[in-house]
Amino acid sequence: MCSHIPACPTADSPDREAAHVVAAHPEQGWSLLCNAVVVFDDTGDLLPDGRIVGPHRPVTT
């Protein structure tokens, strides 16, 4: 799905939220990433296969 160079992380990658935003809906509290992950403002994710990742704090290095 991603045509960026370098390619964005896949939906299964730990850094999946680093993918580019293709549709943002801040008024509804979510954004669609180019790897088909839906990211919610509460830091939860909806993966393309329907799995849910509960709200979490991003890991910083």
PDB file of N, CA and C in Angstrom:
ATOM      1  N   MET A   1       0.824  -1.198   0.000  1.00  0.00           N
ATOM      2  CA  MET A   1       0.000   0.000   0.000  1.00  0.00           C
ATOM      3  C   MET A   1       0.864   1.256   0.000  1.00  0.00           C
ATOM      4  N   CYS A   2       2.027   1.201   0.642  1.00  0.00           N
ATOM      5  CA  CYS A   2       2.901   2.363   0.765  1.00  0.00           C
ATOM      6  C   CYS A   2       3.788   2.505  -0.467  1.00  0.00           C
ATOM      7  N   SER A   3       3.853   3.707  -0.999  1.00  0.00           N
ATOM      8  CA  SER A   3       4.726   3.959  -2.145  1.00  0.00           C
ATOM      9  C   SER A   3       5.859   4.914  -1.780  1.00  0.00           C
ATOM     10  N   HIS A   4       6.070   5.141  -0.494  1.00  0.00           N
ATOM     11  CA  HIS A   4       7.132   6.032  -0.048  1.00  0.00           C
ATOM     12  C   HIS A   4       8.493   5.348  -0.140  1.00  0.00           C
ATOM     13  N   ILE A   5       9.519   6.157  -0.329  1.00  0.00           N
ATOM     14  CA  ILE A   5      10.892   5.656  -0.339  1.00  0.00           C
ATOM     15  C   ILE A   5      11.611   6.341   0.801  1.00  0.00           C
ATOM     16  N   PRO A   6      12.120   5.659   1.803  1.00  0.00           N
ATOM     17  CA  PRO A   6      11.942   4.237   2.076  1.00  0.00           C
ATOM     18  C   PRO A   6      10.502   3.945   2.487  1.00  0.00           C
ATOM     19  N   ALA A   7      10.149   2.696   2.339  1.00  0.00           N
ATOM     20  CA  ALA A   7       8.775   2.278   2.635  1.00  0.00           C
ATOM     21  C   ALA A   7       8.451   2.449   4.118  1.00  0.00           C
ATOM     22  N   CYS A   8       7.205   2.754   4.389  1.00  0.00           N
ATOM     23  CA  CYS A   8       6.748   2.884   5.776  1.00  0.00           C
ATOM     24  C   CYS A   8       6.724   1.511   6.436  1.00  0.00           C
ATOM     25  N   PRO A   9       6.779   1.473   7.765  1.00  0.00           N
ATOM     26  CA  PRO A   9       6.707   0.187   8.466  1.00  0.00           C
ATOM     27  C   PRO A   9       5.365  -0.506   8.207  1.00  0.00           C
ATOM     28  N   THR A  10       5.390  -1.808   8.223  1.00  0.00           N
ATOM     29  CA  THR A  10       4.160  -2.570   8.011  1.00  0.00           C
ATOM     30  C   THR A  10       3.277  -2.497   9.253  1.00  0.00           C
ATOM     31  N   ALA A  11       2.062  -2.957   9.111  1.00  0.00           N
ATOM     32  CA  ALA A  11       1.113  -2.943  10.227  1.00  0.00           C
ATOM     33  C   ALA A  11       1.551  -3.864  11.358  1.00  0.00           C
ATOM     34  N   ASP A  12       2.395  -4.853  11.063  1.00  0.00           N
ATOM     35  CA  ASP A  12       2.865  -5.788  12.086  1.00  0.00           C
ATOM     36  C   ASP A  12       4.158  -5.333  12.763  1.00  0.00           C
ATOM     37  N   SER A  13       4.758  -4.268  12.278  1.00  0.00           N
ATOM     38  CA  SER A  13       6.013  -3.779  12.854  1.00  0.00           C
ATOM     39  C   SER A  13       5.759  -3.061  14.177  1.00  0.00           C
ATOM     40  N   PRO A  14       6.710  -3.143  15.107  1.00  0.00           N
ATOM     41  CA  PRO A  14       6.544  -2.428  16.376  1.00  0.00           C
ATOM     42  C   PRO A  14       6.451  -0.913  16.191  1.00  0.00           C
ATOM     43  N   ASP A  15       7.051  -0.390  15.114  1.00  0.00           N
ATOM     44  CA  ASP A  15       7.026   1.051  14.851  1.00  0.00           C
ATOM     45  C   ASP A  15       5.960   1.430  13.823  1.00  0.00           C
ATOM     46  N   ARG A  16       4.865   0.647  13.763  1.00  0.00           N
ATOM     47  CA  ARG A  16       3.806   0.852  12.770  1.00  0.00           C
ATOM     48  C   ARG A  16       3.235   2.261  12.761  1.00  0.00           C
ATOM     49  N   GLU A  17       3.262   2.952  13.890  1.00  0.00           N
ATOM     50  CA  GLU A  17       2.684   4.296  13.975  1.00  0.00           C
ATOM     51  C   GLU A  17       3.560   5.365  13.324  1.00  0.00           C
ATOM     52  N   ALA A  18       4.744   4.980  12.831  1.00  0.00           N
ATOM     53  CA  ALA A  18       5.627   5.918  12.137  1.00  0.00           C
ATOM     54  C   ALA A  18       5.250   6.074  10.663  1.00  0.00           C
ATOM     55  N   ALA A  19       4.271   5.341  10.194  1.00  0.00           N
ATOM     56  CA  ALA A  19       3.833   5.437   8.804  1.00  0.00           C
ATOM     57  C   ALA A  19       3.184   6.794   8.539  1.00  0.00           C
ATOM     58  N   HIS A  20       3.134   7.176   7.269  1.00  0.00           N
ATOM     59  CA  HIS A  20       2.553   8.453   6.872  1.00  0.00           C
ATOM     60  C   HIS A  20       1.036   8.452   7.049  1.00  0.00           C
ATOM     61  N   VAL A  21       0.491   9.585   7.437  1.00  0.00           N
ATOM     62  CA  VAL A  21      -0.962   9.759   7.563  1.00  0.00           C
ATOM     63  C   VAL A  21      -1.529  10.018   6.169  1.00  0.00           C
ATOM     64  N   VAL A  22      -2.537   9.249   5.784  1.00  0.00           N
ATOM     65  CA  VAL A  22      -3.184   9.453   4.488  1.00  0.00           C
ATOM     66  C   VAL A  22      -4.564  10.095   4.633  1.00  0.00           C
ATOM     67  N   ALA A  23      -5.161   9.983   5.813  1.00  0.00           N
ATOM     68  CA  ALA A  23      -6.451  10.628   6.075  1.00  0.00           C
ATOM     69  C   ALA A  23      -6.519  10.949   7.559  1.00  0.00           C
ATOM     70  N   ALA A  24      -6.698  12.214   7.867  1.00  0.00           N
ATOM     71  CA  ALA A  24      -6.772  12.646   9.263  1.00  0.00           C
ATOM     72  C   ALA A  24      -8.172  13.168   9.560  1.00  0.00           C
ATOM     73  N   HIS A  25      -8.723  12.735  10.673  1.00  0.00           N
ATOM     74  CA  HIS A  25     -10.041  13.184  11.119  1.00  0.00           C
ATOM     75  C   HIS A  25      -9.946  13.564  12.594  1.00  0.00           C
ATOM     76  N   PRO A  26      -9.251  14.664  12.898  1.00  0.00           N
ATOM     77  CA  PRO A  26      -9.070  15.054  14.297  1.00  0.00           C
ATOM     78  C   PRO A  26     -10.390  15.360  15.006  1.00  0.00           C
ATOM     79  N   GLU A  27     -11.390  15.785  14.263  1.00  0.00           N
ATOM     80  CA  GLU A  27     -12.683  16.068  14.878  1.00  0.00           C
ATOM     81  C   GLU A  27     -13.356  14.792  15.372  1.00  0.00           C
ATOM     82  N   GLN A  28     -12.955  13.646  14.798  1.00  0.00           N
ATOM     83  CA  GLN A  28     -13.491  12.351  15.221  1.00  0.00           C
ATOM     84  C   GLN A  28     -12.486  11.563  16.054  1.00  0.00           C
ATOM     85  N   GLY A  29     -11.249  12.042  16.119  1.00  0.00           N
ATOM     86  CA  GLY A  29     -10.258  11.425  16.978  1.00  0.00           C
ATOM     87  C   GLY A  29      -9.481  10.270  16.382  1.00  0.00           C
ATOM     88  N   TRP A  30      -9.344  10.215  15.037  1.00  0.00           N
ATOM     89  CA  TRP A  30      -8.587   9.129  14.432  1.00  0.00           C
ATOM     90  C   TRP A  30      -7.912   9.566  13.152  1.00  0.00           C
ATOM     91  N   SER A  31      -6.886   8.781  12.762  1.00  0.00           N
ATOM     92  CA  SER A  31      -6.174   8.995  11.504  1.00  0.00           C
ATOM     93  C   SER A  31      -5.891   7.636  10.869  1.00  0.00           C
ATOM     94  N   LEU A  32      -5.904   7.605   9.542  1.00  0.00           N
ATOM     95  CA  LEU A  32      -5.570   6.403   8.789  1.00  0.00           C
ATOM     96  C   LEU A  32      -4.149   6.549   8.275  1.00  0.00           C
ATOM     97  N   LEU A  33      -3.328   5.544   8.532  1.00  0.00           N
ATOM     98  CA  LEU A  33      -1.945   5.550   8.072  1.00  0.00           C
ATOM     99  C   LEU A  33      -1.836   4.774   6.762  1.00  0.00           C
ATOM    100  N   CYS A  34      -0.748   4.997   6.016  1.00  0.00           N
ATOM    101  CA  CYS A  34      -0.606   4.346   4.708  1.00  0.00           C
ATOM    102  C   CYS A  34      -0.405   2.839   4.827  1.00  0.00           C
ATOM    103  N   ASN A  35      -0.140   2.317   6.007  1.00  0.00           N
ATOM    104  CA  ASN A  35      -0.044   0.866   6.200  1.00  0.00           C
ATOM    105  C   ASN A  35      -1.391   0.280   6.634  1.00  0.00           C
ATOM    106  N   ALA A  36      -2.459   1.051   6.493  1.00  0.00           N
ATOM    107  CA  ALA A  36      -3.844   0.655   6.774  1.00  0.00           C
ATOM    108  C   ALA A  36      -4.155   0.529   8.265  1.00  0.00           C
ATOM    109  N   VAL A  37      -3.321   1.076   9.121  1.00  0.00           N
ATOM    110  CA  VAL A  37      -3.574   1.111  10.564  1.00  0.00           C
ATOM    111  C   VAL A  37      -4.383   2.369  10.872  1.00  0.00           C
ATOM    112  N   VAL A  38      -5.411   2.225  11.686  1.00  0.00           N
ATOM    113  CA  VAL A  38      -6.169   3.378  12.173  1.00  0.00           C
ATOM    114  C   VAL A  38      -5.641   3.684  13.568  1.00  0.00           C
ATOM    115  N   VAL A  39      -5.174   4.925  13.749  1.00  0.00           N
ATOM    116  CA  VAL A  39      -4.615   5.361  15.029  1.00  0.00           C
ATOM    117  C   VAL A  39      -5.618   6.310  15.676  1.00  0.00           C
ATOM    118  N   PHE A  40      -5.932   6.054  16.935  1.00  0.00           N
ATOM    119  CA  PHE A  40      -6.892   6.874  17.657  1.00  0.00           C
ATOM    120  C   PHE A  40      -6.171   7.838  18.595  1.00  0.00           C
ATOM    121  N   ASP A  41      -6.808   8.955  18.907  1.00  0.00           N
ATOM    122  CA  ASP A  41      -6.221   9.970  19.780  1.00  0.00           C
ATOM    123  C   ASP A  41      -5.887   9.444  21.172  1.00  0.00           C
ATOM    124  N   ASP A  42      -6.569   8.401  21.612  1.00  0.00           N
ATOM    125  CA  ASP A  42      -6.277   7.844  22.939  1.00  0.00           C
ATOM    126  C   ASP A  42      -5.077   6.908  22.910  1.00  0.00           C
ATOM    127  N   THR A  43      -4.373   6.852  21.777  1.00  0.00           N
ATOM    128  CA  THR A  43      -3.178   6.046  21.487  1.00  0.00           C
ATOM    129  C   THR A  43      -3.479   4.582  21.230  1.00  0.00           C
ATOM    130  N   GLY A  44      -4.712   4.221  21.033  1.00  0.00           N
ATOM    131  CA  GLY A  44      -5.051   2.866  20.625  1.00  0.00           C
ATOM    132  C   GLY A  44      -4.963   2.743  19.109  1.00  0.00           C
ATOM    133  N   ASP A  45      -4.869   1.510  18.620  1.00  0.00           N
ATOM    134  CA  ASP A  45      -4.775   1.262  17.183  1.00  0.00           C
ATOM    135  C   ASP A  45      -5.784   0.196  16.774  1.00  0.00           C
ATOM    136  N   LEU A  46      -6.213   0.271  15.530  1.00  0.00           N
ATOM    137  CA  LEU A  46      -7.004  -0.780  14.902  1.00  0.00           C
ATOM    138  C   LEU A  46      -6.182  -1.255  13.715  1.00  0.00           C
ATOM    139  N   LEU A  47      -5.776  -2.530  13.741  1.00  0.00           N
ATOM    140  CA  LEU A  47      -4.938  -3.081  12.689  1.00  0.00           C
ATOM    141  C   LEU A  47      -5.800  -3.539  11.517  1.00  0.00           C
ATOM    142  N   PRO A  48      -5.209  -3.643  10.322  1.00  0.00           N
ATOM    143  CA  PRO A  48      -6.002  -3.998   9.136  1.00  0.00           C
ATOM    144  C   PRO A  48      -6.728  -5.337   9.242  1.00  0.00           C
ATOM    145  N   ASP A  49      -6.211  -6.262  10.031  1.00  0.00           N
ATOM    146  CA  ASP A  49      -6.873  -7.563  10.155  1.00  0.00           C
ATOM    147  C   ASP A  49      -7.949  -7.574  11.240  1.00  0.00           C
ATOM    148  N   GLY A  50      -8.229  -6.407  11.844  1.00  0.00           N
ATOM    149  CA  GLY A  50      -9.280  -6.296  12.844  1.00  0.00           C
ATOM    150  C   GLY A  50      -8.796  -6.387  14.279  1.00  0.00           C
ATOM    151  N   ARG A  51      -7.513  -6.716  14.484  1.00  0.00           N
ATOM    152  CA  ARG A  51      -6.987  -6.770  15.854  1.00  0.00           C
ATOM    153  C   ARG A  51      -6.949  -5.367  16.440  1.00  0.00           C
ATOM    154  N   ILE A  52      -7.119  -5.310  17.747  1.00  0.00           N
ATOM    155  CA  ILE A  52      -7.112  -4.043  18.475  1.00  0.00           C
ATOM    156  C   ILE A  52      -5.869  -3.973  19.335  1.00  0.00           C
ATOM    157  N   VAL A  53      -5.202  -2.827  19.309  1.00  0.00           N
ATOM    158  CA  VAL A  53      -4.088  -2.561  20.205  1.00  0.00           C
ATOM    159  C   VAL A  53      -4.602  -1.504  21.177  1.00  0.00           C
ATOM    160  N   GLY A  54      -4.665  -1.848  22.429  1.00  0.00           N
ATOM    161  CA  GLY A  54      -5.199  -0.936  23.445  1.00  0.00           C
ATOM    162  C   GLY A  54      -4.356   0.319  23.593  1.00  0.00           C
ATOM    163  N   PRO A  55      -4.919   1.334  24.212  1.00  0.00           N
ATOM    164  CA  PRO A  55      -4.172   2.569  24.430  1.00  0.00           C
ATOM    165  C   PRO A  55      -2.841   2.290  25.123  1.00  0.00           C
ATOM    166  N   HIS A  56      -1.817   2.961  24.645  1.00  0.00           N
ATOM    167  CA  HIS A  56      -0.467   2.768  25.155  1.00  0.00           C
ATOM    168  C   HIS A  56       0.331   4.045  24.974  1.00  0.00           C
ATOM    169  N   ARG A  57       1.332   4.186  25.752  1.00  0.00           N
ATOM    170  CA  ARG A  57       2.234   5.324  25.600  1.00  0.00           C
ATOM    171  C   ARG A  57       3.321   4.931  24.606  1.00  0.00           C
ATOM    172  N   PRO A  58       3.600   5.799  23.627  1.00  0.00           N
ATOM    173  CA  PRO A  58       4.662   5.493  22.672  1.00  0.00           C
ATOM    174  C   PRO A  58       6.003   5.326  23.388  1.00  0.00           C
ATOM    175  N   VAL A  59       6.786   4.397  22.918  1.00  0.00           N
ATOM    176  CA  VAL A  59       8.108   4.153  23.486  1.00  0.00           C
ATOM    177  C   VAL A  59       9.072   5.198  22.937  1.00  0.00           C
ATOM    178  N   THR A  60       9.791   5.869  23.823  1.00  0.00           N
ATOM    179  CA  THR A  60      10.766   6.855  23.376  1.00  0.00           C
ATOM    180  C   THR A  60      12.160   6.324  23.640  1.00  0.00           C
ATOM    181  N   THR A  61      13.092   6.751  22.815  1.00  0.00           N
ATOM    182  CA  THR A  61      14.471   6.313  22.980  1.00  0.00           C
ATOM    183  C   THR A  61      15.365   7.482  23.321  1.00  0.00           C
TER     184      THR A  61
END
